[in-house]
Structure formats: structure tokens, C-alpha cells
Amino acid sequence: MNLFLVIGFVGQTFFSLRFLVQWIASEKQGKSVIPLSFWIFSILGSSLLLIYAIYRKDPVFILGQAPNIFIYSRNLYLIKKERNQKKENDNG
């Protein structure tokens, strides 16, 4: 099997898993929530799918995935920033 095909399937798996973890977290809390793992699976899936799209030279797929990496990274940064601020407030 082609390495890039494996990368594409693994990327799609990560991308799909994000919905599963979001659904489970929401069911546990009885409301809609987005856990940290959602963003981690999002960035892993998008990154691998972008690599696959570049390999396939598919401009539509590349354009569809490239901005997502920035958006997911930004969300992870904002979550980390909020947690750090909360720690500082708790300790101060």
C-alpha cells in the first residue's frame, strides 16, 4: 500500500474521531461541549489530510485543509492561554 494512501486514511480517521469524542463529551455533560481532544484530533487529521492532498496535487483539497491547521492551532493556543491565566488567578 502506498505510504501517502496510509497517511490519507490515518488523517481521515483522526478527523472522524474528533466528532466521536465531541459527542461522548457532550453526552457525559448533558450539553454541547468541545473537549481539548477534539482540537487535537482536528489538527492531526487536517495536517495528514493536507499532506495527502499535496501529494495528490489536488488544489481543491489543499485549499480546503490548509486554513484549518491555522484555525485549530489558534484554538489550542487560546485554550492554553486561558488555562495559564486561570492558574495565575488561582495562585495569585
PDB file of N, CA and C in Angstrom:
ATOM      1  N   MET A   1       0.854  -1.183   0.000  1.00  0.00           N
ATOM      2  CA  MET A   1       0.000   0.000   0.000  1.00  0.00           C
ATOM      3  C   MET A   1       0.898   1.243   0.000  1.00  0.00           C
ATOM      4  N   ASN A   2       0.518   2.219  -0.745  1.00  0.00           N
ATOM      5  CA  ASN A   2       1.239   3.476  -0.864  1.00  0.00           C
ATOM      6  C   ASN A   2       1.254   4.211   0.477  1.00  0.00           C
ATOM      7  N   LEU A   3       2.423   4.729   0.886  1.00  0.00           N
ATOM      8  CA  LEU A   3       2.572   5.447   2.155  1.00  0.00           C
ATOM      9  C   LEU A   3       1.599   6.619   2.246  1.00  0.00           C
ATOM     10  N   PHE A   4       1.425   7.348   1.169  1.00  0.00           N
ATOM     11  CA  PHE A   4       0.542   8.511   1.205  1.00  0.00           C
ATOM     12  C   PHE A   4      -0.924   8.107   1.311  1.00  0.00           C
ATOM     13  N   LEU A   5      -1.259   6.953   0.812  1.00  0.00           N
ATOM     14  CA  LEU A   5      -2.621   6.448   0.994  1.00  0.00           C
ATOM     15  C   LEU A   5      -2.860   6.135   2.469  1.00  0.00           C
ATOM     16  N   VAL A   6      -1.868   5.549   3.121  1.00  0.00           N
ATOM     17  CA  VAL A   6      -1.954   5.276   4.564  1.00  0.00           C
ATOM     18  C   VAL A   6      -2.095   6.597   5.324  1.00  0.00           C
ATOM     19  N   ILE A   7      -1.272   7.597   4.973  1.00  0.00           N
ATOM     20  CA  ILE A   7      -1.351   8.915   5.614  1.00  0.00           C
ATOM     21  C   ILE A   7      -2.752   9.499   5.439  1.00  0.00           C
ATOM     22  N   GLY A   8      -3.309   9.379   4.257  1.00  0.00           N
ATOM     23  CA  GLY A   8      -4.658   9.879   3.992  1.00  0.00           C
ATOM     24  C   GLY A   8      -5.710   9.188   4.844  1.00  0.00           C
ATOM     25  N   PHE A   9      -5.624   7.862   4.944  1.00  0.00           N
ATOM     26  CA  PHE A   9      -6.594   7.118   5.761  1.00  0.00           C
ATOM     27  C   PHE A   9      -6.435   7.422   7.246  1.00  0.00           C
ATOM     28  N   VAL A  10      -5.212   7.521   7.724  1.00  0.00           N
ATOM     29  CA  VAL A  10      -4.981   7.858   9.139  1.00  0.00           C
ATOM     30  C   VAL A  10      -5.492   9.267   9.420  1.00  0.00           C
ATOM     31  N   GLY A  11      -5.216  10.193   8.513  1.00  0.00           N
ATOM     32  CA  GLY A  11      -5.718  11.551   8.667  1.00  0.00           C
ATOM     33  C   GLY A  11      -7.232  11.596   8.721  1.00  0.00           C
ATOM     34  N   GLN A  12      -7.874  10.863   7.849  1.00  0.00           N
ATOM     35  CA  GLN A  12      -9.338  10.823   7.846  1.00  0.00           C
ATOM     36  C   GLN A  12      -9.876  10.190   9.122  1.00  0.00           C
ATOM     37  N   THR A  13      -9.165   9.189   9.639  1.00  0.00           N
ATOM     38  CA  THR A  13      -9.569   8.553  10.898  1.00  0.00           C
ATOM     39  C   THR A  13      -9.506   9.550  12.047  1.00  0.00           C
ATOM     40  N   PHE A  14      -8.389  10.291  12.158  1.00  0.00           N
ATOM     41  CA  PHE A  14      -8.277  11.311  13.202  1.00  0.00           C
ATOM     42  C   PHE A  14      -9.373  12.351  13.053  1.00  0.00           C
ATOM     43  N   PHE A  15      -9.600  12.784  11.832  1.00  0.00           N
ATOM     44  CA  PHE A  15     -10.602  13.807  11.576  1.00  0.00           C
ATOM     45  C   PHE A  15     -11.994  13.320  11.981  1.00  0.00           C
ATOM     46  N   SER A  16     -12.284  12.053  11.729  1.00  0.00           N
ATOM     47  CA  SER A  16     -13.578  11.485  12.113  1.00  0.00           C
ATOM     48  C   SER A  16     -13.689  11.268  13.614  1.00  0.00           C
ATOM     49  N   LEU A  17     -12.598  10.888  14.261  1.00  0.00           N
ATOM     50  CA  LEU A  17     -12.619  10.636  15.700  1.00  0.00           C
ATOM     51  C   LEU A  17     -12.978  11.881  16.498  1.00  0.00           C
ATOM     52  N   ARG A  18     -12.680  13.045  15.947  1.00  0.00           N
ATOM     53  CA  ARG A  18     -12.978  14.271  16.685  1.00  0.00           C
ATOM     54  C   ARG A  18     -14.481  14.400  16.945  1.00  0.00           C
ATOM     55  N   PHE A  19     -15.291  13.957  15.996  1.00  0.00           N
ATOM     56  CA  PHE A  19     -16.740  14.019  16.197  1.00  0.00           C
ATOM     57  C   PHE A  19     -17.188  13.029  17.258  1.00  0.00           C
ATOM     58  N   LEU A  20     -16.558  11.871  17.289  1.00  0.00           N
ATOM     59  CA  LEU A  20     -16.896  10.867  18.301  1.00  0.00           C
ATOM     60  C   LEU A  20     -16.571  11.384  19.698  1.00  0.00           C
ATOM     61  N   VAL A  21     -15.382  11.945  19.907  1.00  0.00           N
ATOM     62  CA  VAL A  21     -15.029  12.437  21.245  1.00  0.00           C
ATOM     63  C   VAL A  21     -15.894  13.627  21.642  1.00  0.00           C
ATOM     64  N   GLN A  22     -16.270  14.457  20.683  1.00  0.00           N
ATOM     65  CA  GLN A  22     -17.150  15.586  20.995  1.00  0.00           C
ATOM     66  C   GLN A  22     -18.530  15.090  21.407  1.00  0.00           C
ATOM     67  N   TRP A  23     -19.030  14.110  20.718  1.00  0.00           N
ATOM     68  CA  TRP A  23     -20.346  13.552  21.032  1.00  0.00           C
ATOM     69  C   TRP A  23     -20.344  12.913  22.420  1.00  0.00           C
ATOM     70  N   ILE A  24     -19.318  12.115  22.716  1.00  0.00           N
ATOM     71  CA  ILE A  24     -19.228  11.451  24.018  1.00  0.00           C
ATOM     72  C   ILE A  24     -19.117  12.476  25.144  1.00  0.00           C
ATOM     73  N   ALA A  25     -18.273  13.486  24.965  1.00  0.00           N
ATOM     74  CA  ALA A  25     -18.120  14.525  25.991  1.00  0.00           C
ATOM     75  C   ALA A  25     -19.428  15.270  26.220  1.00  0.00           C
ATOM     76  N   SER A  26     -20.147  15.564  25.147  1.00  0.00           N
ATOM     77  CA  SER A  26     -21.426  16.267  25.270  1.00  0.00           C
ATOM     78  C   SER A  26     -22.461  15.409  25.983  1.00  0.00           C
ATOM     79  N   GLU A  27     -22.495  14.134  25.651  1.00  0.00           N
ATOM     80  CA  GLU A  27     -23.446  13.225  26.313  1.00  0.00           C
ATOM     81  C   GLU A  27     -23.146  13.131  27.808  1.00  0.00           C
ATOM     82  N   LYS A  28     -21.884  13.056  28.172  1.00  0.00           N
ATOM     83  CA  LYS A  28     -21.499  12.958  29.588  1.00  0.00           C
ATOM     84  C   LYS A  28     -21.920  14.199  30.370  1.00  0.00           C
ATOM     85  N   GLN A  29     -21.813  15.361  29.741  1.00  0.00           N
ATOM     86  CA  GLN A  29     -22.137  16.607  30.438  1.00  0.00           C
ATOM     87  C   GLN A  29     -23.576  17.056  30.229  1.00  0.00           C
ATOM     88  N   GLY A  30     -24.282  16.402  29.326  1.00  0.00           N
ATOM     89  CA  GLY A  30     -25.668  16.761  29.076  1.00  0.00           C
ATOM     90  C   GLY A  30     -25.837  18.093  28.359  1.00  0.00           C
ATOM     91  N   LYS A  31     -24.770  18.554  27.722  1.00  0.00           N
ATOM     92  CA  LYS A  31     -24.817  19.795  26.943  1.00  0.00           C
ATOM     93  C   LYS A  31     -23.718  19.723  25.894  1.00  0.00           C
ATOM     94  N   SER A  32     -23.783  20.605  24.924  1.00  0.00           N
ATOM     95  CA  SER A  32     -22.786  20.603  23.860  1.00  0.00           C
ATOM     96  C   SER A  32     -21.471  21.188  24.375  1.00  0.00           C
ATOM     97  N   VAL A  33     -20.422  20.388  24.302  1.00  0.00           N
ATOM     98  CA  VAL A  33     -19.089  20.837  24.709  1.00  0.00           C
ATOM     99  C   VAL A  33     -18.076  20.416  23.647  1.00  0.00           C
ATOM    100  N   ILE A  34     -16.952  21.113  23.637  1.00  0.00           N
ATOM    101  CA  ILE A  34     -15.874  20.759  22.715  1.00  0.00           C
ATOM    102  C   ILE A  34     -14.628  20.502  23.558  1.00  0.00           C
ATOM    103  N   PRO A  35     -14.278  19.234  23.760  1.00  0.00           N
ATOM    104  CA  PRO A  35     -13.109  18.912  24.577  1.00  0.00           C
ATOM    105  C   PRO A  35     -11.794  19.201  23.852  1.00  0.00           C
ATOM    106  N   LEU A  36     -10.721  19.304  24.619  1.00  0.00           N
ATOM    107  CA  LEU A  36      -9.397  19.545  24.056  1.00  0.00           C
ATOM    108  C   LEU A  36      -9.053  18.501  22.997  1.00  0.00           C
ATOM    109  N   SER A  37      -9.423  17.249  23.235  1.00  0.00           N
ATOM    110  CA  SER A  37      -9.098  16.180  22.285  1.00  0.00           C
ATOM    111  C   SER A  37      -9.730  16.423  20.915  1.00  0.00           C
ATOM    112  N   PHE A  38     -10.855  17.128  20.864  1.00  0.00           N
ATOM    113  CA  PHE A  38     -11.483  17.475  19.586  1.00  0.00           C
ATOM    114  C   PHE A  38     -10.502  18.277  18.731  1.00  0.00           C
ATOM    115  N   TRP A  39      -9.852  19.271  19.364  1.00  0.00           N
ATOM    116  CA  TRP A  39      -8.923  20.127  18.626  1.00  0.00           C
ATOM    117  C   TRP A  39      -7.642  19.386  18.266  1.00  0.00           C
ATOM    118  N   ILE A  40      -7.217  18.493  19.139  1.00  0.00           N
ATOM    119  CA  ILE A  40      -6.018  17.699  18.840  1.00  0.00           C
ATOM    120  C   ILE A  40      -6.276  16.778  17.656  1.00  0.00           C
ATOM    121  N   PHE A  41      -7.393  16.061  17.675  1.00  0.00           N
ATOM    122  CA  PHE A  41      -7.741  15.208  16.534  1.00  0.00           C
ATOM    123  C   PHE A  41      -7.937  16.046  15.268  1.00  0.00           C
ATOM    124  N   SER A  42      -8.498  17.237  15.417  1.00  0.00           N
ATOM    125  CA  SER A  42      -8.712  18.119  14.267  1.00  0.00           C
ATOM    126  C   SER A  42      -7.394  18.492  13.605  1.00  0.00           C
ATOM    127  N   ILE A  43      -6.421  18.920  14.416  1.00  0.00           N
ATOM    128  CA  ILE A  43      -5.153  19.352  13.830  1.00  0.00           C
ATOM    129  C   ILE A  43      -4.369  18.168  13.277  1.00  0.00           C
ATOM    130  N   LEU A  44      -4.406  17.026  13.945  1.00  0.00           N
ATOM    131  CA  LEU A  44      -3.728  15.836  13.414  1.00  0.00           C
ATOM    132  C   LEU A  44      -4.362  15.399  12.094  1.00  0.00           C
ATOM    133  N   GLY A  45      -5.676  15.312  12.082  1.00  0.00           N
ATOM    134  CA  GLY A  45      -6.377  14.891  10.872  1.00  0.00           C
ATOM    135  C   GLY A  45      -6.162  15.846   9.718  1.00  0.00           C
ATOM    136  N   SER A  46      -6.294  17.147   9.993  1.00  0.00           N
ATOM    137  CA  SER A  46      -6.121  18.143   8.939  1.00  0.00           C
ATOM    138  C   SER A  46      -4.699  18.145   8.392  1.00  0.00           C
ATOM    139  N   SER A  47      -3.719  18.023   9.280  1.00  0.00           N
ATOM    140  CA  SER A  47      -2.316  18.024   8.841  1.00  0.00           C
ATOM    141  C   SER A  47      -2.030  16.848   7.917  1.00  0.00           C
ATOM    142  N   LEU A  48      -2.479  15.665   8.321  1.00  0.00           N
ATOM    143  CA  LEU A  48      -2.242  14.477   7.497  1.00  0.00           C
ATOM    144  C   LEU A  48      -3.027  14.538   6.188  1.00  0.00           C
ATOM    145  N   LEU A  49      -4.254  15.046   6.256  1.00  0.00           N
ATOM    146  CA  LEU A  49      -5.037  15.182   5.026  1.00  0.00           C
ATOM    147  C   LEU A  49      -4.417  16.218   4.087  1.00  0.00           C
ATOM    148  N   LEU A  50      -3.826  17.275   4.650  1.00  0.00           N
ATOM    149  CA  LEU A  50      -3.141  18.262   3.814  1.00  0.00           C
ATOM    150  C   LEU A  50      -1.923  17.637   3.137  1.00  0.00           C
ATOM    151  N   ILE A  51      -1.155  16.843   3.874  1.00  0.00           N
ATOM    152  CA  ILE A  51      -0.011  16.148   3.279  1.00  0.00           C
ATOM    153  C   ILE A  51      -0.481  15.259   2.128  1.00  0.00           C
ATOM    154  N   TYR A  52      -1.555  14.525   2.370  1.00  0.00           N
ATOM    155  CA  TYR A  52      -2.107  13.654   1.328  1.00  0.00           C
ATOM    156  C   TYR A  52      -2.577  14.475   0.120  1.00  0.00           C
ATOM    157  N   ALA A  53      -3.239  15.601   0.373  1.00  0.00           N
ATOM    158  CA  ALA A  53      -3.747  16.442  -0.713  1.00  0.00           C
ATOM    159  C   ALA A  53      -2.602  17.035  -1.537  1.00  0.00           C
ATOM    160  N   ILE A  54      -1.523  17.420  -0.863  1.00  0.00           N
ATOM    161  CA  ILE A  54      -0.355  17.949  -1.578  1.00  0.00           C
ATOM    162  C   ILE A  54       0.252  16.851  -2.452  1.00  0.00           C
ATOM    163  N   TYR A  55       0.355  15.660  -1.888  1.00  0.00           N
ATOM    164  CA  TYR A  55       0.871  14.525  -2.670  1.00  0.00           C
ATOM    165  C   TYR A  55       0.008  14.276  -3.905  1.00  0.00           C
ATOM    166  N   ARG A  56      -1.296  14.355  -3.732  1.00  0.00           N
ATOM    167  CA  ARG A  56      -2.221  14.131  -4.849  1.00  0.00           C
ATOM    168  C   ARG A  56      -2.303  15.324  -5.796  1.00  0.00           C
ATOM    169  N   LYS A  57      -1.721  16.448  -5.374  1.00  0.00           N
ATOM    170  CA  LYS A  57      -1.750  17.689  -6.158  1.00  0.00           C
ATOM    171  C   LYS A  57      -3.190  18.119  -6.442  1.00  0.00           C
ATOM    172  N   ASP A  58      -4.005  18.051  -5.402  1.00  0.00           N
ATOM    173  CA  ASP A  58      -5.420  18.387  -5.507  1.00  0.00           C
ATOM    174  C   ASP A  58      -5.649  19.780  -4.921  1.00  0.00           C
ATOM    175  N   PRO A  59      -5.722  20.812  -5.766  1.00  0.00           N
ATOM    176  CA  PRO A  59      -5.822  22.181  -5.252  1.00  0.00           C
ATOM    177  C   PRO A  59      -7.089  22.444  -4.440  1.00  0.00           C
ATOM    178  N   VAL A  60      -8.179  21.781  -4.768  1.00  0.00           N
ATOM    179  CA  VAL A  60      -9.421  21.976  -4.013  1.00  0.00           C
ATOM    180  C   VAL A  60      -9.258  21.435  -2.596  1.00  0.00           C
ATOM    181  N   PHE A  61      -8.714  20.251  -2.478  1.00  0.00           N
ATOM    182  CA  PHE A  61      -8.485  19.606  -1.190  1.00  0.00           C
ATOM    183  C   PHE A  61      -7.434  20.379  -0.381  1.00  0.00           C
ATOM    184  N   ILE A  62      -6.379  20.852  -1.035  1.00  0.00           N
ATOM    185  CA  ILE A  62      -5.335  21.640  -0.367  1.00  0.00           C
ATOM    186  C   ILE A  62      -5.946  22.917   0.202  1.00  0.00           C
ATOM    187  N   LEU A  63      -6.698  23.621  -0.610  1.00  0.00           N
ATOM    188  CA  LEU A  63      -7.324  24.860  -0.170  1.00  0.00           C
ATOM    189  C   LEU A  63      -8.327  24.615   0.955  1.00  0.00           C
ATOM    190  N   GLY A  64      -8.971  23.474   0.931  1.00  0.00           N
ATOM    191  CA  GLY A  64      -9.938  23.133   1.972  1.00  0.00           C
ATOM    192  C   GLY A  64      -9.291  22.801   3.307  1.00  0.00           C
ATOM    193  N   GLN A  65      -8.097  22.222   3.293  1.00  0.00           N
ATOM    194  CA  GLN A  65      -7.450  21.788   4.541  1.00  0.00           C
ATOM    195  C   GLN A  65      -6.457  22.804   5.101  1.00  0.00           C
ATOM    196  N   ALA A  66      -5.763  23.539   4.258  1.00  0.00           N
ATOM    197  CA  ALA A  66      -4.689  24.429   4.721  1.00  0.00           C
ATOM    198  C   ALA A  66      -5.143  25.444   5.785  1.00  0.00           C
ATOM    199  N   PRO A  67      -6.250  26.157   5.582  1.00  0.00           N
ATOM    200  CA  PRO A  67      -6.648  27.137   6.609  1.00  0.00           C
ATOM    201  C   PRO A  67      -7.033  26.486   7.941  1.00  0.00           C
ATOM    202  N   ASN A  68      -7.517  25.251   7.879  1.00  0.00           N
ATOM    203  CA  ASN A  68      -7.960  24.576   9.100  1.00  0.00           C
ATOM    204  C   ASN A  68      -6.831  24.421  10.108  1.00  0.00           C
ATOM    205  N   ILE A  69      -5.626  24.158   9.634  1.00  0.00           N
ATOM    206  CA  ILE A  69      -4.499  23.965  10.539  1.00  0.00           C
ATOM    207  C   ILE A  69      -4.276  25.230  11.365  1.00  0.00           C
ATOM    208  N   PHE A  70      -4.378  26.392  10.734  1.00  0.00           N
ATOM    209  CA  PHE A  70      -4.241  27.655  11.467  1.00  0.00           C
ATOM    210  C   PHE A  70      -5.365  27.804  12.493  1.00  0.00           C
ATOM    211  N   ILE A  71      -6.589  27.535  12.084  1.00  0.00           N
ATOM    212  CA  ILE A  71      -7.750  27.701  12.969  1.00  0.00           C
ATOM    213  C   ILE A  71      -7.647  26.764  14.164  1.00  0.00           C
ATOM    214  N   TYR A  72      -7.317  25.501  13.925  1.00  0.00           N
ATOM    215  CA  TYR A  72      -7.211  24.541  15.023  1.00  0.00           C
ATOM    216  C   TYR A  72      -6.045  24.876  15.948  1.00  0.00           C
ATOM    217  N   SER A  73      -4.930  25.311  15.378  1.00  0.00           N
ATOM    218  CA  SER A  73      -3.780  25.721  16.191  1.00  0.00           C
ATOM    219  C   SER A  73      -4.142  26.919  17.059  1.00  0.00           C
ATOM    220  N   ARG A  74      -4.855  27.853  16.484  1.00  0.00           N
ATOM    221  CA  ARG A  74      -5.273  29.043  17.237  1.00  0.00           C
ATOM    222  C   ARG A  74      -6.177  28.655  18.399  1.00  0.00           C
ATOM    223  N   ASN A  75      -7.090  27.732  18.174  1.00  0.00           N
ATOM    224  CA  ASN A  75      -7.965  27.287  19.257  1.00  0.00           C
ATOM    225  C   ASN A  75      -7.163  26.620  20.363  1.00  0.00           C
ATOM    226  N   LEU A  76      -6.185  25.792  20.004  1.00  0.00           N
ATOM    227  CA  LEU A  76      -5.326  25.165  21.025  1.00  0.00           C
ATOM    228  C   LEU A  76      -4.540  26.219  21.796  1.00  0.00           C
ATOM    229  N   TYR A  77      -4.040  27.235  21.093  1.00  0.00           N
ATOM    230  CA  TYR A  77      -3.321  28.329  21.754  1.00  0.00           C
ATOM    231  C   TYR A  77      -4.237  29.067  22.735  1.00  0.00           C
ATOM    232  N   LEU A  78      -5.450  29.388  22.313  1.00  0.00           N
ATOM    233  CA  LEU A  78      -6.390  30.107  23.175  1.00  0.00           C
ATOM    234  C   LEU A  78      -6.768  29.285  24.404  1.00  0.00           C
ATOM    235  N   ILE A  79      -6.921  27.979  24.238  1.00  0.00           N
ATOM    236  CA  ILE A  79      -7.225  27.103  25.375  1.00  0.00           C
ATOM    237  C   ILE A  79      -6.058  27.120  26.356  1.00  0.00           C
ATOM    238  N   LYS A  80      -4.835  26.997  25.839  1.00  0.00           N
ATOM    239  CA  LYS A  80      -3.649  27.017  26.706  1.00  0.00           C
ATOM    240  C   LYS A  80      -3.529  28.358  27.425  1.00  0.00           C
ATOM    241  N   LYS A  81      -3.753  29.439  26.696  1.00  0.00           N
ATOM    242  CA  LYS A  81      -3.681  30.774  27.280  1.00  0.00           C
ATOM    243  C   LYS A  81      -4.700  30.927  28.415  1.00  0.00           C
ATOM    244  N   GLU A  82      -5.916  30.471  28.186  1.00  0.00           N
ATOM    245  CA  GLU A  82      -6.970  30.559  29.199  1.00  0.00           C
ATOM    246  C   GLU A  82      -6.612  29.732  30.435  1.00  0.00           C
ATOM    247  N   ARG A  83      -6.070  28.551  30.226  1.00  0.00           N
ATOM    248  CA  ARG A  83      -5.673  27.700  31.356  1.00  0.00           C
ATOM    249  C   ARG A  83      -4.542  28.329  32.155  1.00  0.00           C
ATOM    250  N   ASN A  84      -3.579  28.938  31.462  1.00  0.00           N
ATOM    251  CA  ASN A  84      -2.477  29.615  32.152  1.00  0.00           C
ATOM    252  C   ASN A  84      -2.979  30.804  32.965  1.00  0.00           C
ATOM    253  N   GLN A  85      -3.910  31.576  32.396  1.00  0.00           N
ATOM    254  CA  GLN A  85      -4.478  32.712  33.116  1.00  0.00           C
ATOM    255  C   GLN A  85      -5.252  32.240  34.344  1.00  0.00           C
ATOM    256  N   LYS A  86      -5.954  31.136  34.208  1.00  0.00           N
ATOM    257  CA  LYS A  86      -6.717  30.602  35.328  1.00  0.00           C
ATOM    258  C   LYS A  86      -5.763  30.147  36.443  1.00  0.00           C
ATOM    259  N   LYS A  87      -4.647  29.505  36.062  1.00  0.00           N
ATOM    260  CA  LYS A  87      -3.643  29.094  37.055  1.00  0.00           C
ATOM    261  C   LYS A  87      -3.084  30.296  37.788  1.00  0.00           C
ATOM    262  N   GLU A  88      -2.765  31.360  37.026  1.00  0.00           N
ATOM    263  CA  GLU A  88      -2.220  32.566  37.642  1.00  0.00           C
ATOM    264  C   GLU A  88      -3.218  33.184  38.601  1.00  0.00           C
ATOM    265  N   ASN A  89      -4.486  33.221  38.223  1.00  0.00           N
ATOM    266  CA  ASN A  89      -5.526  33.780  39.094  1.00  0.00           C
ATOM    267  C   ASN A  89      -5.724  32.938  40.343  1.00  0.00           C
ATOM    268  N   ASP A  90      -5.629  31.619  40.201  1.00  0.00           N
ATOM    269  CA  ASP A  90      -5.779  30.714  41.343  1.00  0.00           C
ATOM    270  C   ASP A  90      -4.609  30.825  42.302  1.00  0.00           C
ATOM    271  N   ASN A  91      -3.422  31.092  41.765  1.00  0.00           N
ATOM    272  CA  ASN A  91      -2.219  31.176  42.591  1.00  0.00           C
ATOM    273  C   ASN A  91      -1.981  32.582  43.138  1.00  0.00           C
ATOM    274  N   GLY A  92      -2.612  33.581  42.534  1.00  0.00           N
ATOM    275  CA  GLY A  92      -2.344  34.981  42.902  1.00  0.00           C
ATOM    276  C   GLY A  92      -3.294  35.497  43.850  1.00  0.00           C
TER     277      GLY A  92
END
